[in-house]
Amino acid sequence: MISKIHVPRPPFIKICGLTDPSNAVDCVRAGADAIGLVFFEKSPRNVSISQAAEITRALPPDQVFCGVFVDATFDFIMEVKQICGIKAAQLHGSESPELVQKLTGQGLIVIKALFAARNPLLTDAAKYPDASAFLVEYGKGILPGGNAETWDYSVSSGLKTDKPVILAGGLSSENVRQALDQARPWGLDVSSGVEKEPGIKDVQKVKDLIDIVKHT
């Protein structure tokens, strides 16, 4: 999934916040490289472990499943890994570098979220030497995620790291080309910009965005 050296063109695309198995299958068929499953009760896209397992069982075993967590415990993340078969953990809170190290030691790809407007900041990347990649977004809003907020994506290009950078926050087919031009990220994390309603993606919007990315 993630390499420090190879920057894929077109960028890697994760469709995040899925809650329905058939919808997830449609997104993968549309070209999504990974799907994200949110384990955070305050999120409108939250799924239980049993719901997530139903989604992962509907997809090929080699599909990349990423669990999204906010200050979750090591034990909870490992339970999700065991039951749902996630290959990656996206940490979207104030997790410690020690937790990142512990998770990578268990064979998980660990994506640490950094923010332009709150802690941990983009300048905190060096605090997480064991992270596999960084996800960057604005970070201003009620929830820990992007809150459908667009932002100055060019700010992310100032992140000082040799690790893959995944761009997030308000991405849609209307602005993804501009975001790519401004930030030149390794990957994209897309959620609200391709939705019918929270947790249910509009497959045509997913296809449109992926088509734009592949031809940019």
N, C-alpha and C. Protein backbone atom coordinates (compact mmCIF):
# COMPACT_ATOMS: atom_id res chain seq x y z
N MET A 1 0.82 -1.21 0.00
CA MET A 1 0.00 0.00 0.00
C MET A 1 0.85 1.25 0.00
N ILE A 2 1.86 1.31 0.88
CA ILE A 2 2.59 2.55 1.08
C ILE A 2 4.09 2.32 0.91
N SER A 3 4.71 3.18 0.14
CA SER A 3 6.14 3.15 -0.06
C SER A 3 6.72 4.53 0.20
N LYS A 4 7.88 4.60 0.81
CA LYS A 4 8.52 5.89 1.05
C LYS A 4 9.08 6.48 -0.25
N ILE A 5 9.37 5.62 -1.22
CA ILE A 5 10.09 6.06 -2.41
C ILE A 5 9.15 6.29 -3.57
N HIS A 6 8.32 5.32 -3.86
CA HIS A 6 7.47 5.40 -5.04
C HIS A 6 6.26 6.30 -4.80
N VAL A 7 6.12 7.31 -5.62
CA VAL A 7 4.95 8.18 -5.56
C VAL A 7 4.04 7.80 -6.72
N PRO A 8 2.91 7.18 -6.44
CA PRO A 8 2.06 6.66 -7.51
C PRO A 8 1.44 7.77 -8.34
N ARG A 9 1.32 7.54 -9.60
CA ARG A 9 0.58 8.42 -10.50
C ARG A 9 -0.33 7.54 -11.34
N PRO A 10 -1.63 7.62 -11.20
CA PRO A 10 -2.32 8.60 -10.38
C PRO A 10 -2.19 8.30 -8.88
N PRO A 11 -2.48 9.28 -8.04
CA PRO A 11 -2.35 9.06 -6.60
C PRO A 11 -3.27 7.96 -6.08
N PHE A 12 -2.86 7.39 -4.98
CA PHE A 12 -3.63 6.39 -4.24
C PHE A 12 -4.91 7.05 -3.73
N ILE A 13 -6.04 6.36 -3.86
CA ILE A 13 -7.33 6.94 -3.45
C ILE A 13 -8.00 6.04 -2.42
N LYS A 14 -8.26 6.62 -1.25
CA LYS A 14 -9.03 5.93 -0.22
C LYS A 14 -10.40 6.59 -0.11
N ILE A 15 -11.43 5.79 -0.25
CA ILE A 15 -12.80 6.27 -0.02
C ILE A 15 -13.15 5.91 1.42
N CYS A 16 -13.42 6.93 2.21
CA CYS A 16 -13.51 6.73 3.65
C CYS A 16 -14.94 6.92 4.17
N GLY A 17 -15.22 6.29 5.31
CA GLY A 17 -16.51 6.47 5.96
C GLY A 17 -17.62 5.63 5.37
N LEU A 18 -17.29 4.43 4.93
CA LEU A 18 -18.30 3.54 4.35
C LEU A 18 -19.03 2.79 5.47
N THR A 19 -20.32 2.55 5.24
CA THR A 19 -21.13 1.88 6.26
C THR A 19 -21.97 0.73 5.72
N ASP A 20 -21.93 0.51 4.40
CA ASP A 20 -22.80 -0.48 3.78
C ASP A 20 -21.98 -1.39 2.88
N PRO A 21 -22.13 -2.71 3.00
CA PRO A 21 -21.32 -3.64 2.21
C PRO A 21 -21.45 -3.46 0.70
N SER A 22 -22.68 -3.36 0.19
CA SER A 22 -22.85 -3.24 -1.26
C SER A 22 -22.30 -1.92 -1.77
N ASN A 23 -22.44 -0.87 -0.99
CA ASN A 23 -21.89 0.42 -1.36
C ASN A 23 -20.36 0.37 -1.41
N ALA A 24 -19.77 -0.35 -0.46
CA ALA A 24 -18.31 -0.52 -0.46
C ALA A 24 -17.85 -1.29 -1.69
N VAL A 25 -18.58 -2.34 -2.04
CA VAL A 25 -18.25 -3.12 -3.25
C VAL A 25 -18.30 -2.23 -4.48
N ASP A 26 -19.32 -1.39 -4.58
CA ASP A 26 -19.45 -0.49 -5.73
C ASP A 26 -18.28 0.50 -5.80
N CYS A 27 -17.85 0.99 -4.64
CA CYS A 27 -16.73 1.94 -4.62
C CYS A 27 -15.43 1.27 -5.07
N VAL A 28 -15.22 0.04 -4.65
CA VAL A 28 -14.03 -0.68 -5.08
C VAL A 28 -14.08 -0.96 -6.57
N ARG A 29 -15.24 -1.34 -7.07
CA ARG A 29 -15.39 -1.57 -8.51
C ARG A 29 -15.18 -0.29 -9.31
N ALA A 30 -15.47 0.86 -8.67
CA ALA A 30 -15.28 2.14 -9.34
C ALA A 30 -13.81 2.54 -9.40
N GLY A 31 -12.97 1.84 -8.64
CA GLY A 31 -11.55 2.11 -8.71
C GLY A 31 -10.88 2.54 -7.42
N ALA A 32 -11.59 2.51 -6.30
CA ALA A 32 -10.97 2.89 -5.02
C ALA A 32 -9.85 1.91 -4.68
N ASP A 33 -8.71 2.45 -4.26
CA ASP A 33 -7.58 1.61 -3.87
C ASP A 33 -7.73 1.08 -2.45
N ALA A 34 -8.46 1.81 -1.63
CA ALA A 34 -8.67 1.39 -0.24
C ALA A 34 -10.01 1.94 0.23
N ILE A 35 -10.55 1.29 1.26
CA ILE A 35 -11.76 1.81 1.89
C ILE A 35 -11.46 2.09 3.36
N GLY A 36 -12.11 3.12 3.88
CA GLY A 36 -11.91 3.48 5.27
C GLY A 36 -13.16 3.22 6.08
N LEU A 37 -12.97 2.64 7.26
CA LEU A 37 -14.06 2.32 8.17
C LEU A 37 -13.84 3.08 9.48
N VAL A 38 -14.80 3.90 9.86
CA VAL A 38 -14.64 4.81 10.99
C VAL A 38 -15.15 4.16 12.28
N PHE A 39 -14.27 4.08 13.27
CA PHE A 39 -14.62 3.55 14.58
C PHE A 39 -14.55 4.69 15.60
N PHE A 40 -15.54 5.56 15.54
CA PHE A 40 -15.60 6.71 16.43
C PHE A 40 -17.06 7.05 16.62
N GLU A 41 -17.57 6.84 17.82
CA GLU A 41 -19.01 6.88 18.08
C GLU A 41 -19.64 8.24 17.75
N LYS A 42 -18.91 9.31 17.86
CA LYS A 42 -19.48 10.63 17.59
C LYS A 42 -19.60 10.94 16.10
N SER A 43 -19.01 10.11 15.28
CA SER A 43 -19.06 10.34 13.83
C SER A 43 -20.36 9.81 13.25
N PRO A 44 -20.98 10.53 12.30
CA PRO A 44 -22.17 10.00 11.62
C PRO A 44 -21.84 8.82 10.73
N ARG A 45 -20.58 8.54 10.54
CA ARG A 45 -20.14 7.40 9.71
C ARG A 45 -19.58 6.27 10.56
N ASN A 46 -19.83 6.31 11.84
CA ASN A 46 -19.32 5.29 12.75
C ASN A 46 -19.91 3.92 12.42
N VAL A 47 -19.07 2.90 12.51
CA VAL A 47 -19.53 1.52 12.36
C VAL A 47 -19.09 0.72 13.58
N SER A 48 -19.89 -0.28 13.91
CA SER A 48 -19.49 -1.22 14.95
C SER A 48 -18.53 -2.23 14.34
N ILE A 49 -17.90 -3.00 15.20
CA ILE A 49 -17.00 -4.04 14.70
C ILE A 49 -17.76 -5.04 13.84
N SER A 50 -18.97 -5.40 14.25
CA SER A 50 -19.75 -6.37 13.48
C SER A 50 -20.16 -5.80 12.12
N GLN A 51 -20.52 -4.53 12.08
CA GLN A 51 -20.84 -3.89 10.79
C GLN A 51 -19.62 -3.86 9.89
N ALA A 52 -18.48 -3.50 10.46
CA ALA A 52 -17.26 -3.44 9.67
C ALA A 52 -16.87 -4.81 9.12
N ALA A 53 -17.05 -5.84 9.94
CA ALA A 53 -16.71 -7.20 9.50
C ALA A 53 -17.61 -7.62 8.34
N GLU A 54 -18.85 -7.21 8.38
CA GLU A 54 -19.77 -7.52 7.27
C GLU A 54 -19.28 -6.86 5.98
N ILE A 55 -18.77 -5.64 6.10
CA ILE A 55 -18.26 -4.93 4.92
C ILE A 55 -17.00 -5.62 4.39
N THR A 56 -16.07 -5.92 5.26
CA THR A 56 -14.81 -6.52 4.79
C THR A 56 -15.03 -7.92 4.21
N ARG A 57 -16.02 -8.65 4.73
CA ARG A 57 -16.31 -9.98 4.18
C ARG A 57 -16.89 -9.90 2.77
N ALA A 58 -17.47 -8.75 2.43
CA ALA A 58 -18.08 -8.60 1.11
C ALA A 58 -17.05 -8.29 0.02
N LEU A 59 -15.82 -8.03 0.43
CA LEU A 59 -14.79 -7.61 -0.51
C LEU A 59 -13.67 -8.64 -0.59
N PRO A 60 -12.88 -8.62 -1.66
CA PRO A 60 -11.77 -9.57 -1.77
C PRO A 60 -10.80 -9.42 -0.61
N PRO A 61 -10.20 -10.51 -0.16
CA PRO A 61 -9.31 -10.45 1.00
C PRO A 61 -8.06 -9.60 0.78
N ASP A 62 -7.67 -9.37 -0.48
CA ASP A 62 -6.50 -8.56 -0.75
C ASP A 62 -6.83 -7.06 -0.84
N GLN A 63 -8.10 -6.71 -0.66
CA GLN A 63 -8.49 -5.30 -0.64
C GLN A 63 -7.90 -4.63 0.61
N VAL A 64 -7.50 -3.38 0.46
CA VAL A 64 -6.95 -2.65 1.60
C VAL A 64 -8.08 -2.06 2.43
N PHE A 65 -8.19 -2.51 3.68
CA PHE A 65 -9.15 -1.98 4.64
C PHE A 65 -8.39 -1.14 5.65
N CYS A 66 -8.86 0.07 5.87
CA CYS A 66 -8.21 0.97 6.82
C CYS A 66 -9.20 1.34 7.92
N GLY A 67 -8.84 1.07 9.16
CA GLY A 67 -9.65 1.50 10.28
C GLY A 67 -9.25 2.90 10.70
N VAL A 68 -10.25 3.73 10.94
CA VAL A 68 -10.00 5.12 11.36
C VAL A 68 -10.39 5.24 12.84
N PHE A 69 -9.44 5.68 13.65
CA PHE A 69 -9.62 5.71 15.10
C PHE A 69 -9.29 7.09 15.66
N VAL A 70 -9.94 7.44 16.76
CA VAL A 70 -9.67 8.70 17.45
C VAL A 70 -9.37 8.38 18.91
N ASP A 71 -8.10 8.42 19.25
CA ASP A 71 -7.66 8.15 20.63
C ASP A 71 -8.19 6.81 21.16
N ALA A 72 -8.22 5.82 20.29
CA ALA A 72 -8.63 4.48 20.70
C ALA A 72 -7.48 3.77 21.40
N THR A 73 -7.79 2.74 22.17
CA THR A 73 -6.76 1.98 22.86
C THR A 73 -6.10 0.99 21.90
N PHE A 74 -4.90 0.58 22.27
CA PHE A 74 -4.20 -0.45 21.51
C PHE A 74 -5.04 -1.72 21.42
N ASP A 75 -5.64 -2.13 22.52
CA ASP A 75 -6.41 -3.37 22.54
C ASP A 75 -7.61 -3.29 21.60
N PHE A 76 -8.29 -2.15 21.57
CA PHE A 76 -9.44 -2.02 20.68
C PHE A 76 -9.01 -2.09 19.22
N ILE A 77 -7.94 -1.41 18.87
CA ILE A 77 -7.46 -1.44 17.49
C ILE A 77 -7.05 -2.85 17.09
N MET A 78 -6.42 -3.57 17.99
CA MET A 78 -6.03 -4.94 17.68
C MET A 78 -7.24 -5.86 17.56
N GLU A 79 -8.28 -5.60 18.32
CA GLU A 79 -9.52 -6.37 18.18
C GLU A 79 -10.13 -6.15 16.81
N VAL A 80 -10.14 -4.91 16.36
CA VAL A 80 -10.65 -4.61 15.03
C VAL A 80 -9.79 -5.30 13.97
N LYS A 81 -8.48 -5.27 14.14
CA LYS A 81 -7.58 -5.94 13.20
C LYS A 81 -7.89 -7.42 13.10
N GLN A 82 -8.07 -8.06 14.25
CA GLN A 82 -8.30 -9.50 14.27
C GLN A 82 -9.65 -9.87 13.64
N ILE A 83 -10.69 -9.13 13.96
CA ILE A 83 -12.03 -9.50 13.50
C ILE A 83 -12.31 -9.00 12.09
N CYS A 84 -11.85 -7.82 11.75
CA CYS A 84 -12.21 -7.20 10.47
C CYS A 84 -11.13 -7.31 9.40
N GLY A 85 -9.93 -7.69 9.80
CA GLY A 85 -8.87 -7.85 8.82
C GLY A 85 -8.31 -6.56 8.26
N ILE A 86 -8.36 -5.48 9.07
CA ILE A 86 -7.80 -4.23 8.58
C ILE A 86 -6.28 -4.37 8.42
N LYS A 87 -5.76 -3.71 7.39
CA LYS A 87 -4.32 -3.72 7.14
C LYS A 87 -3.67 -2.41 7.58
N ALA A 88 -4.50 -1.40 7.78
CA ALA A 88 -3.98 -0.08 8.14
C ALA A 88 -4.83 0.54 9.24
N ALA A 89 -4.17 1.35 10.07
CA ALA A 89 -4.87 2.09 11.11
C ALA A 89 -4.57 3.57 10.92
N GLN A 90 -5.61 4.36 10.74
CA GLN A 90 -5.46 5.81 10.63
C GLN A 90 -5.79 6.41 11.99
N LEU A 91 -4.85 7.10 12.56
CA LEU A 91 -4.99 7.65 13.91
C LEU A 91 -5.29 9.13 13.80
N HIS A 92 -6.50 9.51 14.22
CA HIS A 92 -7.00 10.85 13.94
C HIS A 92 -7.15 11.71 15.19
N GLY A 93 -6.48 11.31 16.26
CA GLY A 93 -6.58 12.07 17.49
C GLY A 93 -5.24 12.54 17.99
N SER A 94 -5.05 12.47 19.31
CA SER A 94 -3.80 12.91 19.94
C SER A 94 -2.97 11.71 20.37
N GLU A 95 -2.93 10.70 19.53
CA GLU A 95 -2.23 9.46 19.87
C GLU A 95 -0.73 9.71 20.07
N SER A 96 -0.14 8.90 20.92
CA SER A 96 1.28 9.05 21.25
C SER A 96 2.17 8.37 20.21
N PRO A 97 3.40 8.85 20.09
CA PRO A 97 4.36 8.15 19.23
C PRO A 97 4.55 6.69 19.65
N GLU A 98 4.42 6.43 20.96
CA GLU A 98 4.58 5.06 21.45
C GLU A 98 3.50 4.14 20.91
N LEU A 99 2.27 4.64 20.80
CA LEU A 99 1.19 3.82 20.25
C LEU A 99 1.47 3.53 18.77
N VAL A 100 1.93 4.53 18.04
CA VAL A 100 2.27 4.32 16.63
C VAL A 100 3.31 3.21 16.51
N GLN A 101 4.34 3.29 17.31
CA GLN A 101 5.40 2.28 17.28
C GLN A 101 4.85 0.89 17.62
N LYS A 102 3.99 0.83 18.61
CA LYS A 102 3.43 -0.45 19.05
C LYS A 102 2.57 -1.09 17.96
N LEU A 103 1.80 -0.27 17.24
CA LEU A 103 0.93 -0.77 16.18
C LEU A 103 1.74 -1.24 14.96
N THR A 104 2.75 -0.48 14.60
CA THR A 104 3.57 -0.91 13.47
C THR A 104 4.28 -2.21 13.81
N GLY A 105 4.60 -2.39 15.09
CA GLY A 105 5.22 -3.64 15.52
C GLY A 105 4.31 -4.84 15.37
N GLN A 106 3.01 -4.59 15.25
CA GLN A 106 2.03 -5.66 15.03
C GLN A 106 1.69 -5.84 13.56
N GLY A 107 2.47 -5.20 12.70
CA GLY A 107 2.29 -5.40 11.26
C GLY A 107 1.27 -4.49 10.60
N LEU A 108 0.77 -3.50 11.32
CA LEU A 108 -0.18 -2.57 10.74
C LEU A 108 0.54 -1.41 10.05
N ILE A 109 0.01 -0.99 8.92
CA ILE A 109 0.38 0.30 8.34
C ILE A 109 -0.28 1.36 9.21
N VAL A 110 0.47 2.33 9.66
CA VAL A 110 -0.08 3.36 10.54
C VAL A 110 0.00 4.72 9.87
N ILE A 111 -1.16 5.31 9.66
CA ILE A 111 -1.28 6.63 9.06
C ILE A 111 -1.63 7.61 10.16
N LYS A 112 -0.74 8.55 10.45
CA LYS A 112 -0.99 9.52 11.52
C LYS A 112 -1.51 10.82 10.92
N ALA A 113 -2.65 11.27 11.42
CA ALA A 113 -3.23 12.53 10.95
C ALA A 113 -2.53 13.71 11.61
N LEU A 114 -2.22 14.70 10.77
CA LEU A 114 -1.66 15.98 11.23
C LEU A 114 -2.54 17.09 10.68
N PHE A 115 -2.54 18.23 11.35
CA PHE A 115 -3.51 19.27 11.01
C PHE A 115 -2.86 20.64 10.85
N ALA A 116 -3.50 21.46 10.03
CA ALA A 116 -3.02 22.82 9.82
C ALA A 116 -3.50 23.76 10.92
N ALA A 117 -4.64 23.43 11.55
CA ALA A 117 -5.28 24.37 12.48
C ALA A 117 -5.35 23.89 13.92
N ARG A 118 -4.87 22.70 14.22
CA ARG A 118 -4.89 22.21 15.61
C ARG A 118 -3.84 21.13 15.78
N ASN A 119 -3.62 20.73 17.02
CA ASN A 119 -2.64 19.69 17.32
C ASN A 119 -3.16 18.30 17.01
N PRO A 120 -2.26 17.38 16.60
CA PRO A 120 -0.87 17.62 16.25
C PRO A 120 -0.74 18.36 14.92
N LEU A 121 0.16 19.31 14.89
CA LEU A 121 0.32 20.17 13.72
C LEU A 121 1.18 19.51 12.65
N LEU A 122 1.16 20.11 11.46
CA LEU A 122 1.99 19.60 10.37
C LEU A 122 3.46 19.60 10.77
N THR A 123 3.84 20.53 11.63
CA THR A 123 5.23 20.62 12.06
C THR A 123 5.60 19.54 13.08
N ASP A 124 4.65 18.72 13.48
CA ASP A 124 4.92 17.67 14.46
C ASP A 124 5.27 16.33 13.83
N ALA A 125 5.47 16.30 12.54
CA ALA A 125 5.73 15.03 11.86
C ALA A 125 6.93 14.28 12.44
N ALA A 126 7.96 15.01 12.81
CA ALA A 126 9.17 14.37 13.32
C ALA A 126 8.94 13.63 14.64
N LYS A 127 7.84 13.94 15.33
CA LYS A 127 7.53 13.27 16.58
C LYS A 127 7.05 11.83 16.36
N TYR A 128 6.75 11.49 15.10
CA TYR A 128 6.19 10.18 14.80
C TYR A 128 7.09 9.44 13.79
N PRO A 129 8.30 9.09 14.21
CA PRO A 129 9.23 8.46 13.27
C PRO A 129 8.79 7.08 12.79
N ASP A 130 7.89 6.44 13.52
CA ASP A 130 7.46 5.09 13.14
C ASP A 130 6.20 5.09 12.27
N ALA A 131 5.62 6.26 12.03
CA ALA A 131 4.44 6.32 11.18
C ALA A 131 4.79 5.87 9.76
N SER A 132 3.87 5.14 9.14
CA SER A 132 4.07 4.71 7.76
C SER A 132 3.80 5.83 6.78
N ALA A 133 2.88 6.72 7.14
CA ALA A 133 2.47 7.83 6.29
C ALA A 133 1.76 8.87 7.15
N PHE A 134 1.57 10.04 6.57
CA PHE A 134 0.82 11.10 7.25
C PHE A 134 -0.38 11.50 6.42
N LEU A 135 -1.51 11.69 7.10
CA LEU A 135 -2.69 12.28 6.48
C LEU A 135 -2.76 13.72 6.96
N VAL A 136 -2.98 14.64 6.03
CA VAL A 136 -3.00 16.06 6.40
C VAL A 136 -4.34 16.68 6.01
N GLU A 137 -4.88 17.48 6.92
CA GLU A 137 -6.09 18.23 6.64
C GLU A 137 -6.15 19.46 7.53
N TYR A 138 -7.21 20.23 7.37
CA TYR A 138 -7.31 21.52 8.03
C TYR A 138 -7.45 21.36 9.54
N GLY A 139 -8.46 20.58 9.97
CA GLY A 139 -8.62 20.30 11.38
C GLY A 139 -9.39 21.35 12.16
N LYS A 140 -10.21 22.12 11.48
CA LYS A 140 -11.03 23.11 12.18
C LYS A 140 -12.49 22.70 12.02
N GLY A 141 -13.14 22.34 13.11
CA GLY A 141 -14.52 21.90 13.04
C GLY A 141 -14.91 21.14 14.29
N ILE A 142 -16.14 20.68 14.32
CA ILE A 142 -16.66 20.01 15.51
C ILE A 142 -16.04 18.63 15.70
N LEU A 143 -15.90 17.89 14.60
CA LEU A 143 -15.40 16.52 14.67
C LEU A 143 -13.92 16.47 14.33
N PRO A 144 -13.22 15.39 14.72
CA PRO A 144 -11.80 15.29 14.44
C PRO A 144 -11.47 15.21 12.95
N GLY A 145 -12.43 14.78 12.12
CA GLY A 145 -12.19 14.64 10.70
C GLY A 145 -12.29 15.95 9.95
N GLY A 146 -12.44 15.85 8.63
CA GLY A 146 -12.39 17.04 7.78
C GLY A 146 -13.59 17.95 7.88
N ASN A 147 -14.73 17.45 8.38
CA ASN A 147 -15.93 18.26 8.51
C ASN A 147 -16.35 18.90 7.19
N ALA A 148 -16.00 18.24 6.07
CA ALA A 148 -16.32 18.71 4.72
C ALA A 148 -15.70 20.08 4.43
N GLU A 149 -14.68 20.46 5.18
CA GLU A 149 -14.05 21.77 5.04
C GLU A 149 -12.98 21.72 3.95
N THR A 150 -13.14 22.56 2.92
CA THR A 150 -12.04 22.77 1.99
C THR A 150 -11.03 23.71 2.66
N TRP A 151 -9.80 23.69 2.18
CA TRP A 151 -8.77 24.53 2.78
C TRP A 151 -7.68 24.80 1.76
N ASP A 152 -6.67 25.53 2.17
CA ASP A 152 -5.56 25.83 1.27
C ASP A 152 -4.67 24.60 1.19
N TYR A 153 -4.94 23.73 0.21
CA TYR A 153 -4.24 22.45 0.11
C TYR A 153 -2.73 22.62 -0.10
N SER A 154 -2.32 23.78 -0.61
CA SER A 154 -0.89 23.99 -0.85
C SER A 154 -0.09 24.01 0.44
N VAL A 155 -0.77 24.29 1.57
CA VAL A 155 -0.08 24.31 2.86
C VAL A 155 0.55 22.94 3.15
N SER A 156 -0.11 21.88 2.71
CA SER A 156 0.39 20.53 3.00
C SER A 156 1.73 20.25 2.34
N SER A 157 2.04 20.95 1.27
CA SER A 157 3.31 20.70 0.57
C SER A 157 4.51 21.14 1.41
N GLY A 158 4.26 21.89 2.48
CA GLY A 158 5.34 22.32 3.36
C GLY A 158 5.69 21.30 4.42
N LEU A 159 4.97 20.18 4.47
CA LEU A 159 5.25 19.15 5.46
C LEU A 159 6.63 18.56 5.20
N LYS A 160 7.48 18.59 6.18
CA LYS A 160 8.85 18.11 6.01
C LYS A 160 8.92 16.64 6.42
N THR A 161 8.84 15.77 5.42
CA THR A 161 8.90 14.34 5.67
C THR A 161 9.27 13.63 4.38
N ASP A 162 9.89 12.46 4.54
CA ASP A 162 10.17 11.63 3.37
C ASP A 162 9.13 10.52 3.25
N LYS A 163 8.08 10.61 4.06
CA LYS A 163 7.04 9.59 4.05
C LYS A 163 5.86 10.03 3.18
N PRO A 164 5.06 9.09 2.74
CA PRO A 164 3.90 9.44 1.91
C PRO A 164 2.96 10.39 2.63
N VAL A 165 2.41 11.33 1.89
CA VAL A 165 1.46 12.30 2.42
C VAL A 165 0.12 12.10 1.72
N ILE A 166 -0.92 11.91 2.53
CA ILE A 166 -2.28 11.72 2.02
C ILE A 166 -3.08 12.97 2.32
N LEU A 167 -3.67 13.55 1.30
CA LEU A 167 -4.40 14.80 1.43
C LEU A 167 -5.87 14.53 1.71
N ALA A 168 -6.46 15.29 2.64
CA ALA A 168 -7.86 15.10 3.00
C ALA A 168 -8.51 16.45 3.27
N GLY A 169 -9.85 16.44 3.31
CA GLY A 169 -10.60 17.63 3.69
C GLY A 169 -11.38 18.25 2.55
N GLY A 170 -12.66 17.91 2.46
CA GLY A 170 -13.55 18.57 1.50
C GLY A 170 -13.27 18.28 0.05
N LEU A 171 -12.62 17.17 -0.25
CA LEU A 171 -12.27 16.85 -1.64
C LEU A 171 -13.49 16.33 -2.39
N SER A 172 -13.63 16.79 -3.63
CA SER A 172 -14.72 16.35 -4.50
C SER A 172 -14.24 16.46 -5.94
N SER A 173 -15.09 16.04 -6.86
CA SER A 173 -14.71 16.14 -8.28
C SER A 173 -14.55 17.59 -8.71
N GLU A 174 -15.18 18.51 -7.97
CA GLU A 174 -15.12 19.93 -8.34
C GLU A 174 -13.77 20.56 -8.00
N ASN A 175 -13.08 20.05 -6.99
CA ASN A 175 -11.84 20.70 -6.57
C ASN A 175 -10.62 19.80 -6.55
N VAL A 176 -10.77 18.52 -6.91
CA VAL A 176 -9.65 17.59 -6.74
C VAL A 176 -8.49 17.91 -7.67
N ARG A 177 -8.78 18.38 -8.87
CA ARG A 177 -7.68 18.72 -9.77
C ARG A 177 -6.86 19.88 -9.21
N GLN A 178 -7.54 20.89 -8.67
CA GLN A 178 -6.85 22.02 -8.07
C GLN A 178 -6.02 21.56 -6.86
N ALA A 179 -6.60 20.67 -6.06
CA ALA A 179 -5.89 20.16 -4.89
C ALA A 179 -4.62 19.41 -5.29
N LEU A 180 -4.72 18.61 -6.33
CA LEU A 180 -3.55 17.87 -6.81
C LEU A 180 -2.47 18.82 -7.31
N ASP A 181 -2.87 19.84 -8.02
CA ASP A 181 -1.90 20.81 -8.53
C ASP A 181 -1.20 21.55 -7.39
N GLN A 182 -1.95 21.86 -6.34
CA GLN A 182 -1.41 22.64 -5.23
C GLN A 182 -0.52 21.81 -4.31
N ALA A 183 -0.92 20.56 -4.06
CA ALA A 183 -0.27 19.78 -3.01
C ALA A 183 0.62 18.65 -3.51
N ARG A 184 0.33 18.09 -4.68
CA ARG A 184 1.09 16.95 -5.21
C ARG A 184 1.24 15.84 -4.17
N PRO A 185 0.13 15.34 -3.62
CA PRO A 185 0.21 14.33 -2.56
C PRO A 185 0.47 12.93 -3.10
N TRP A 186 0.89 12.07 -2.20
CA TRP A 186 1.02 10.64 -2.54
C TRP A 186 -0.36 10.02 -2.73
N GLY A 187 -1.31 10.46 -1.90
CA GLY A 187 -2.64 9.87 -1.94
C GLY A 187 -3.72 10.86 -1.56
N LEU A 188 -4.96 10.43 -1.73
CA LEU A 188 -6.13 11.25 -1.43
C LEU A 188 -7.07 10.46 -0.52
N ASP A 189 -7.67 11.15 0.43
CA ASP A 189 -8.67 10.56 1.31
C ASP A 189 -9.98 11.33 1.09
N VAL A 190 -10.99 10.63 0.61
CA VAL A 190 -12.23 11.29 0.18
C VAL A 190 -13.41 10.69 0.94
N SER A 191 -14.30 11.56 1.41
CA SER A 191 -15.47 11.07 2.14
C SER A 191 -16.72 11.86 1.78
N SER A 192 -16.94 12.99 2.44
CA SER A 192 -18.19 13.73 2.28
C SER A 192 -18.41 14.24 0.87
N GLY A 193 -17.34 14.50 0.15
CA GLY A 193 -17.47 15.07 -1.19
C GLY A 193 -18.04 14.12 -2.23
N VAL A 194 -18.19 12.84 -1.87
CA VAL A 194 -18.76 11.87 -2.81
C VAL A 194 -19.95 11.14 -2.18
N GLU A 195 -20.64 11.80 -1.27
CA GLU A 195 -21.72 11.14 -0.54
C GLU A 195 -23.12 11.53 -1.00
N LYS A 196 -24.04 10.57 -0.85
CA LYS A 196 -25.48 10.86 -0.91
C LYS A 196 -25.96 11.35 0.45
N GLU A 197 -25.46 10.68 1.47
CA GLU A 197 -25.75 10.98 2.87
C GLU A 197 -24.60 10.42 3.68
N PRO A 198 -24.42 10.84 4.93
CA PRO A 198 -23.28 10.35 5.69
C PRO A 198 -23.20 8.83 5.73
N GLY A 199 -22.08 8.32 5.24
CA GLY A 199 -21.85 6.88 5.25
C GLY A 199 -22.26 6.15 3.99
N ILE A 200 -23.01 6.81 3.11
CA ILE A 200 -23.44 6.20 1.86
C ILE A 200 -22.90 7.04 0.69
N LYS A 201 -22.06 6.42 -0.13
CA LYS A 201 -21.43 7.15 -1.21
C LYS A 201 -22.30 7.14 -2.48
N ASP A 202 -22.24 8.24 -3.19
CA ASP A 202 -22.84 8.34 -4.52
C ASP A 202 -21.82 7.76 -5.49
N VAL A 203 -22.09 6.58 -6.01
CA VAL A 203 -21.10 5.86 -6.80
C VAL A 203 -20.71 6.64 -8.06
N GLN A 204 -21.65 7.38 -8.64
CA GLN A 204 -21.31 8.18 -9.81
C GLN A 204 -20.31 9.27 -9.44
N LYS A 205 -20.48 9.88 -8.27
CA LYS A 205 -19.53 10.89 -7.80
C LYS A 205 -18.15 10.27 -7.57
N VAL A 206 -18.15 9.06 -7.03
CA VAL A 206 -16.88 8.35 -6.83
C VAL A 206 -16.20 8.11 -8.17
N LYS A 207 -16.97 7.63 -9.15
CA LYS A 207 -16.41 7.38 -10.48
C LYS A 207 -15.89 8.66 -11.12
N ASP A 208 -16.65 9.74 -10.98
CA ASP A 208 -16.24 11.01 -11.57
C ASP A 208 -14.93 11.50 -10.97
N LEU A 209 -14.82 11.42 -9.65
CA LEU A 209 -13.59 11.87 -9.00
C LEU A 209 -12.40 11.01 -9.41
N ILE A 210 -12.57 9.71 -9.41
CA ILE A 210 -11.48 8.82 -9.77
C ILE A 210 -11.07 9.03 -11.21
N ASP A 211 -12.03 9.26 -12.09
CA ASP A 211 -11.71 9.52 -13.50
C ASP A 211 -10.87 10.78 -13.64
N ILE A 212 -11.22 11.81 -12.90
CA ILE A 212 -10.45 13.06 -12.95
C ILE A 212 -9.02 12.82 -12.45
N VAL A 213 -8.91 12.11 -11.33
CA VAL A 213 -7.59 11.87 -10.75
C VAL A 213 -6.71 11.06 -11.71
N LYS A 214 -7.29 10.07 -12.32
CA LYS A 214 -6.52 9.20 -13.22
C LYS A 214 -6.07 9.91 -14.49
N HIS A 215 -6.75 11.00 -14.82
CA HIS A 215 -6.39 11.70 -16.06
C HIS A 215 -5.80 13.07 -15.80
N THR A 216 -5.33 13.30 -14.58
CA THR A 216 -4.69 14.57 -14.25
C THR A 216 -3.17 14.46 -14.37
